[in-house]
Amino acid sequence: MAKKGLIIFGCDGVLIPFSWEKLFEAFQSISLEFGINFLHICPDMQRFKTWFSHDMQNNIDRIRMKNREITYKMNNALHVIYGHESEVFDWVPDIVDKLSQAYDLAVLSSSRITDSVVVSLGKTAKKFNAIVGCDMIGKNRSDPDGLSAIMRQFNVSAINTVFIGHTISDIYIAKKYRLSTAAVAWGATSRPVDIIAMRADRNLTHPSQIFLFGADYIL
């Protein structure tokens, strides 16, 4: 049966709980391994929240880790310290299973390597037709965000594609490709004023809205 369209999910903050505290701790631990005191860059949580980018390569560059081998080690270390303990929200397996019967599904993460995403998704990973992590993003300069590659894989147009994210950068990138967008209220951006500022086509306040309405609700 032909699928009705493509739904692309963000990872942390959408399918997996996002923790500022764990992420801050991970950056401190990892930086020390490379001889850098991260507290000299971000002395507290407030500063970290304004400094942090959901584009992990951008974070690594600003810590002045330019070497490719160091970048690879950094991503793997983040997975060990932060990512491997993360599991999907309780609602994810059931809703994703039901959505997969009508839609092609993909996951796009700019902050985790692909293996880390797969591990955290657990058995639910099999329900996604494509999983793209930060190690697969940016290799093609014409598609630094990975979105167009996913769309080409499914041979689907923007009009039949929905992106569900949790940050302003998520929504901005999706709109650049003229995708329909939905912003969730349970991610890193949870204040109503910040959710409105994302200017998504739809704001999702509860996961049930994804299942009840599917992409038809967002398109």
Foldseek 3Di string as FASTA:
>chain_A
DDAQFEEEEEFDFTFWDDDLVLQVVLVQVLCVVVVHRCCVVPVDSVSCVVPDDQQQVVVCVVSVNPDPVSVVVSQVSCLVRPQLVIATDPVPQVLLVLNLVRHAYEYEGNRHQQVSRDNRDDPSSVSHPYYHYNVRACPDVVGRRCPVVVCVVVVGAQDRYEYEEAALVSLVVNVVSPHQYEHELRGPNNDPVRRVVSVGQYYHDDPVCCRVQPCVVRD
